[in-house]
Amino acid sequence: MISVRKPIRLDTDDMARLLNEIIAQGGTTALTRPVSGTDIAEWMNPTSTRNAWHVAVNEAEKIVGFQWIEPADYLPDEAAEIATFVQIGQTGLGIGSALFDATRKAAKALGYRWINANIRADNEGGLIYYQSRGFQDYRKIEGYKLADGSIVTKQLKRYDL
């Protein structure tokens, strides 16, 4: 059974470990360098009060996924950017659905009108996940340069709250 809660500082090392496995696998995230628990903690405490973070934990209280929303400079104030990470080998088990239920409610409470997902076009699992939540394609960014110099296409999807 999966439960969702807000993360605490003690969760950040486990969140970083989960994310680093995804980064090392490659092909699904725009992140290209490993992150630390300190990085995650800093991301969780931006100057904006319009962010929301959630972790999914299993029966053993092990973090199996996390998701957040926050403002983005390229989006209007009414929109939040979303990021979702699920432990490798654990997709398709309802973790993403549980996280999105909590995130959608938080987005509404924070006054957002829509959520933007910015996904690598070669991330088939991510595209399917957001599509299955009701996100709709609205724009592509061709020739997006990642920090490691790789060039990818980004698909932007929108979910109206």
C-alpha atoms as a PDB file:
ATOM      1  CA  MET A   1       0.000   0.000   0.000  1.00  0.00           C
ATOM      2  CA  ILE A   2       1.241   3.430  -0.963  1.00  0.00           C
ATOM      3  CA  SER A   3       0.659   6.536   1.122  1.00  0.00           C
ATOM      4  CA  VAL A   4       1.472  10.134   0.261  1.00  0.00           C
ATOM      5  CA  ARG A   5       2.704  12.777   2.652  1.00  0.00           C
ATOM      6  CA  LYS A   6       4.709  15.988   2.671  1.00  0.00           C
ATOM      7  CA  PRO A   7       8.447  15.361   2.807  1.00  0.00           C
ATOM      8  CA  ILE A   8      10.644  16.321   5.731  1.00  0.00           C
ATOM      9  CA  ARG A   9      14.351  17.209   5.715  1.00  0.00           C
ATOM     10  CA  LEU A  10      15.246  13.636   6.738  1.00  0.00           C
ATOM     11  CA  ASP A  11      13.699  12.396   3.459  1.00  0.00           C
ATOM     12  CA  THR A  12      15.996  14.371   1.182  1.00  0.00           C
ATOM     13  CA  ASP A  13      18.890  11.877   1.044  1.00  0.00           C
ATOM     14  CA  ASP A  14      16.494   9.067   0.055  1.00  0.00           C
ATOM     15  CA  MET A  15      14.855  11.345  -2.511  1.00  0.00           C
ATOM     16  CA  ALA A  16      18.282  12.177  -3.961  1.00  0.00           C
ATOM     17  CA  ARG A  17      19.209   8.485  -4.126  1.00  0.00           C
ATOM     18  CA  LEU A  18      15.981   7.690  -6.028  1.00  0.00           C
ATOM     19  CA  LEU A  19      16.527  10.605  -8.420  1.00  0.00           C
ATOM     20  CA  ASN A  20      20.192   9.752  -8.973  1.00  0.00           C
ATOM     21  CA  GLU A  21      19.243   6.239 -10.081  1.00  0.00           C
ATOM     22  CA  ILE A  22      16.924   7.797 -12.680  1.00  0.00           C
ATOM     23  CA  ILE A  23      19.597  10.272 -13.799  1.00  0.00           C
ATOM     24  CA  ALA A  24      22.181   7.460 -14.091  1.00  0.00           C
ATOM     25  CA  GLN A  25      19.800   5.361 -16.191  1.00  0.00           C
ATOM     26  CA  GLY A  26      19.405   8.316 -18.550  1.00  0.00           C
ATOM     27  CA  GLY A  27      16.814   9.159 -21.158  1.00  0.00           C
ATOM     28  CA  THR A  28      13.941  10.317 -18.972  1.00  0.00           C
ATOM     29  CA  THR A  29      14.963  13.482 -17.169  1.00  0.00           C
ATOM     30  CA  ALA A  30      16.558  16.736 -18.260  1.00  0.00           C
ATOM     31  CA  LEU A  31      18.796  16.481 -15.190  1.00  0.00           C
ATOM     32  CA  THR A  32      22.224  15.204 -16.149  1.00  0.00           C
ATOM     33  CA  ARG A  33      24.324  15.394 -12.983  1.00  0.00           C
ATOM     34  CA  PRO A  34      23.818  13.633  -9.653  1.00  0.00           C
ATOM     35  CA  VAL A  35      22.076  15.567  -6.898  1.00  0.00           C
ATOM     36  CA  SER A  36      22.534  15.502  -3.140  1.00  0.00           C
ATOM     37  CA  GLY A  37      20.087  15.569  -0.287  1.00  0.00           C
ATOM     38  CA  THR A  38      21.218  19.151   0.290  1.00  0.00           C
ATOM     39  CA  ASP A  39      20.254  19.999  -3.319  1.00  0.00           C
ATOM     40  CA  ILE A  40      16.776  18.545  -2.775  1.00  0.00           C
ATOM     41  CA  ALA A  41      16.406  20.428   0.528  1.00  0.00           C
ATOM     42  CA  GLU A  42      17.334  23.688  -1.221  1.00  0.00           C
ATOM     43  CA  TRP A  43      14.838  23.001  -4.006  1.00  0.00           C
ATOM     44  CA  MET A  44      12.129  22.378  -1.399  1.00  0.00           C
ATOM     45  CA  ASN A  45      12.723  25.776   0.215  1.00  0.00           C
ATOM     46  CA  PRO A  46      12.618  28.339  -2.591  1.00  0.00           C
ATOM     47  CA  THR A  47      11.762  31.965  -2.027  1.00  0.00           C
ATOM     48  CA  SER A  48       8.290  31.334  -3.480  1.00  0.00           C
ATOM     49  CA  THR A  49       5.500  30.158  -1.201  1.00  0.00           C
ATOM     50  CA  ARG A  50       3.657  28.709  -4.196  1.00  0.00           C
ATOM     51  CA  ASN A  51       5.302  25.323  -4.269  1.00  0.00           C
ATOM     52  CA  ALA A  52       4.111  21.957  -2.975  1.00  0.00           C
ATOM     53  CA  TRP A  53       6.085  18.740  -2.498  1.00  0.00           C
ATOM     54  CA  HIS A  54       4.839  15.212  -1.865  1.00  0.00           C
ATOM     55  CA  VAL A  55       6.534  11.856  -1.328  1.00  0.00           C
ATOM     56  CA  ALA A  56       5.020   8.428  -1.850  1.00  0.00           C
ATOM     57  CA  VAL A  57       6.060   5.806   0.697  1.00  0.00           C
ATOM     58  CA  ASN A  58       5.446   2.076   0.869  1.00  0.00           C
ATOM     59  CA  GLU A  59       4.438   0.018   3.930  1.00  0.00           C
ATOM     60  CA  ALA A  60       8.045   0.080   5.184  1.00  0.00           C
ATOM     61  CA  GLU A  61       8.029   3.906   4.935  1.00  0.00           C
ATOM     62  CA  LYS A  62      10.547   3.702   2.069  1.00  0.00           C
ATOM     63  CA  ILE A  63      10.249   6.549  -0.422  1.00  0.00           C
ATOM     64  CA  VAL A  64       9.192   5.144  -3.794  1.00  0.00           C
ATOM     65  CA  GLY A  65       8.403   8.417  -5.555  1.00  0.00           C
ATOM     66  CA  PHE A  66       8.075  12.153  -5.226  1.00  0.00           C
ATOM     67  CA  GLN A  67       6.479  15.039  -7.050  1.00  0.00           C
ATOM     68  CA  TRP A  68       6.463  18.796  -6.804  1.00  0.00           C
ATOM     69  CA  ILE A  69       4.935  21.875  -8.355  1.00  0.00           C
ATOM     70  CA  GLU A  70       6.356  25.367  -8.390  1.00  0.00           C
ATOM     71  CA  PRO A  71       6.214  28.558 -10.422  1.00  0.00           C
ATOM     72  CA  ALA A  72       8.440  28.787 -13.500  1.00  0.00           C
ATOM     73  CA  ASP A  73       9.793  31.960 -15.081  1.00  0.00           C
ATOM     74  CA  TYR A  74       8.497  31.009 -18.534  1.00  0.00           C
ATOM     75  CA  LEU A  75       4.937  30.351 -17.315  1.00  0.00           C
ATOM     76  CA  PRO A  76       2.199  32.816 -16.322  1.00  0.00           C
ATOM     77  CA  ASP A  77       1.427  33.208 -12.598  1.00  0.00           C
ATOM     78  CA  GLU A  78      -1.670  31.039 -13.009  1.00  0.00           C
ATOM     79  CA  ALA A  79       0.447  28.006 -14.010  1.00  0.00           C
ATOM     80  CA  ALA A  80       2.705  25.677 -12.040  1.00  0.00           C
ATOM     81  CA  GLU A  81       5.511  23.485 -13.350  1.00  0.00           C
ATOM     82  CA  ILE A  82       5.355  19.825 -12.262  1.00  0.00           C
ATOM     83  CA  ALA A  83       8.102  17.237 -11.818  1.00  0.00           C
ATOM     84  CA  THR A  84       7.529  13.557 -11.032  1.00  0.00           C
ATOM     85  CA  PHE A  85       9.995  10.818 -10.138  1.00  0.00           C
ATOM     86  CA  VAL A  86       9.110   7.189  -9.373  1.00  0.00           C
ATOM     87  CA  GLN A  87      11.604   4.556  -8.299  1.00  0.00           C
ATOM     88  CA  ILE A  88      12.946   2.513 -11.201  1.00  0.00           C
ATOM     89  CA  GLY A  89      10.985  -0.729 -11.486  1.00  0.00           C
ATOM     90  CA  GLN A  90       8.012   0.659  -9.548  1.00  0.00           C
ATOM     91  CA  THR A  91       6.103   2.411 -12.322  1.00  0.00           C
ATOM     92  CA  GLY A  92       2.581   1.299 -13.122  1.00  0.00           C
ATOM     93  CA  LEU A  93       1.770   0.498  -9.475  1.00  0.00           C
ATOM     94  CA  GLY A  94      -0.327   3.580  -8.662  1.00  0.00           C
ATOM     95  CA  ILE A  95       2.506   5.656  -7.177  1.00  0.00           C
ATOM     96  CA  GLY A  96       2.192   8.416  -9.776  1.00  0.00           C
ATOM     97  CA  SER A  97      -1.595   8.452  -9.456  1.00  0.00           C
ATOM     98  CA  ALA A  98      -1.407   8.821  -5.675  1.00  0.00           C
ATOM     99  CA  LEU A  99       1.142  11.610  -5.975  1.00  0.00           C
ATOM    100  CA  PHE A 100      -0.879  13.481  -8.592  1.00  0.00           C
ATOM    101  CA  ASP A 101      -4.065  13.332  -6.508  1.00  0.00           C
ATOM    102  CA  ALA A 102      -2.247  15.163  -3.704  1.00  0.00           C
ATOM    103  CA  THR A 103      -0.464  17.565  -6.050  1.00  0.00           C
ATOM    104  CA  ARG A 104      -3.640  18.481  -7.957  1.00  0.00           C
ATOM    105  CA  LYS A 105      -5.376  19.387  -4.676  1.00  0.00           C
ATOM    106  CA  ALA A 106      -2.371  21.418  -3.545  1.00  0.00           C
ATOM    107  CA  ALA A 107      -2.242  23.270  -6.877  1.00  0.00           C
ATOM    108  CA  LYS A 108      -5.871  24.306  -6.520  1.00  0.00           C
ATOM    109  CA  ALA A 109      -5.305  25.406  -2.915  1.00  0.00           C
ATOM    110  CA  LEU A 110      -2.325  27.516  -4.040  1.00  0.00           C
ATOM    111  CA  GLY A 111      -4.503  29.281  -6.614  1.00  0.00           C
ATOM    112  CA  TYR A 112      -3.090  27.762  -9.779  1.00  0.00           C
ATOM    113  CA  ARG A 113      -5.420  27.359 -12.774  1.00  0.00           C
ATOM    114  CA  TRP A 114      -3.294  24.879 -14.724  1.00  0.00           C
ATOM    115  CA  ILE A 115      -0.229  22.653 -14.425  1.00  0.00           C
ATOM    116  CA  ASN A 116       2.537  22.449 -17.020  1.00  0.00           C
ATOM    117  CA  ALA A 117       4.563  19.287 -17.616  1.00  0.00           C
ATOM    118  CA  ASN A 118       7.826  19.818 -19.498  1.00  0.00           C
ATOM    119  CA  ILE A 119       8.855  16.343 -20.713  1.00  0.00           C
ATOM    120  CA  ARG A 120      11.651  15.032 -22.877  1.00  0.00           C
ATOM    121  CA  ALA A 121       9.984  13.829 -26.085  1.00  0.00           C
ATOM    122  CA  ASP A 122      12.012  10.590 -25.877  1.00  0.00           C
ATOM    123  CA  ASN A 123      10.655   9.857 -22.388  1.00  0.00           C
ATOM    124  CA  GLU A 124       7.865   7.509 -23.433  1.00  0.00           C
ATOM    125  CA  GLY A 125       6.937   6.585 -19.864  1.00  0.00           C
ATOM    126  CA  GLY A 126       6.664  10.222 -18.828  1.00  0.00           C
ATOM    127  CA  LEU A 127       4.581  11.128 -21.862  1.00  0.00           C
ATOM    128  CA  ILE A 128       2.212   8.227 -21.152  1.00  0.00           C
ATOM    129  CA  TYR A 129       2.008   9.088 -17.441  1.00  0.00           C
ATOM    130  CA  TYR A 130       1.009  12.707 -18.001  1.00  0.00           C
ATOM    131  CA  GLN A 131      -1.348  11.818 -20.856  1.00  0.00           C
ATOM    132  CA  SER A 132      -3.101   9.298 -18.585  1.00  0.00           C
ATOM    133  CA  ARG A 133      -3.616  12.034 -15.969  1.00  0.00           C
ATOM    134  CA  GLY A 134      -5.407  14.195 -18.565  1.00  0.00           C
ATOM    135  CA  PHE A 135      -2.558  16.455 -19.670  1.00  0.00           C
ATOM    136  CA  GLN A 136      -2.870  17.722 -23.259  1.00  0.00           C
ATOM    137  CA  ASP A 137      -0.036  18.572 -25.669  1.00  0.00           C
ATOM    138  CA  TYR A 138       0.210  22.282 -26.381  1.00  0.00           C
ATOM    139  CA  ARG A 139       3.774  23.030 -27.517  1.00  0.00           C
ATOM    140  CA  LYS A 140       7.111  21.493 -28.515  1.00  0.00           C
ATOM    141  CA  ILE A 141      10.566  22.872 -27.922  1.00  0.00           C
ATOM    142  CA  GLU A 142      12.987  21.607 -30.552  1.00  0.00           C
ATOM    143  CA  GLY A 143      16.739  21.660 -29.987  1.00  0.00           C
ATOM    144  CA  TYR A 144      16.683  21.977 -26.192  1.00  0.00           C
ATOM    145  CA  LYS A 145      20.256  21.792 -24.869  1.00  0.00           C
ATOM    146  CA  LEU A 146      20.780  19.826 -21.644  1.00  0.00           C
ATOM    147  CA  ALA A 147      23.543  20.687 -19.164  1.00  0.00           C
ATOM    148  CA  ASP A 148      25.729  17.889 -20.569  1.00  0.00           C
ATOM    149  CA  GLY A 149      25.441  19.291 -24.103  1.00  0.00           C
ATOM    150  CA  SER A 150      22.892  16.739 -25.329  1.00  0.00           C
ATOM    151  CA  ILE A 151      20.153  18.102 -27.569  1.00  0.00           C
ATOM    152  CA  VAL A 152      16.583  16.878 -27.054  1.00  0.00           C
ATOM    153  CA  THR A 153      13.050  17.830 -27.996  1.00  0.00           C
ATOM    154  CA  LYS A 154      10.773  18.814 -25.118  1.00  0.00           C
ATOM    155  CA  GLN A 155       7.008  18.232 -25.153  1.00  0.00           C
ATOM    156  CA  LEU A 156       4.897  20.626 -23.093  1.00  0.00           C
ATOM    157  CA  LYS A 157       1.624  19.298 -21.735  1.00  0.00           C
ATOM    158  CA  ARG A 158      -1.089  21.184 -19.894  1.00  0.00           C
ATOM    159  CA  TYR A 159      -3.581  20.076 -17.270  1.00  0.00           C
ATOM    160  CA  ASP A 160      -6.434  22.509 -16.515  1.00  0.00           C
ATOM    161  CA  LEU A 161      -7.534  22.466 -12.892  1.00  0.00           C
END
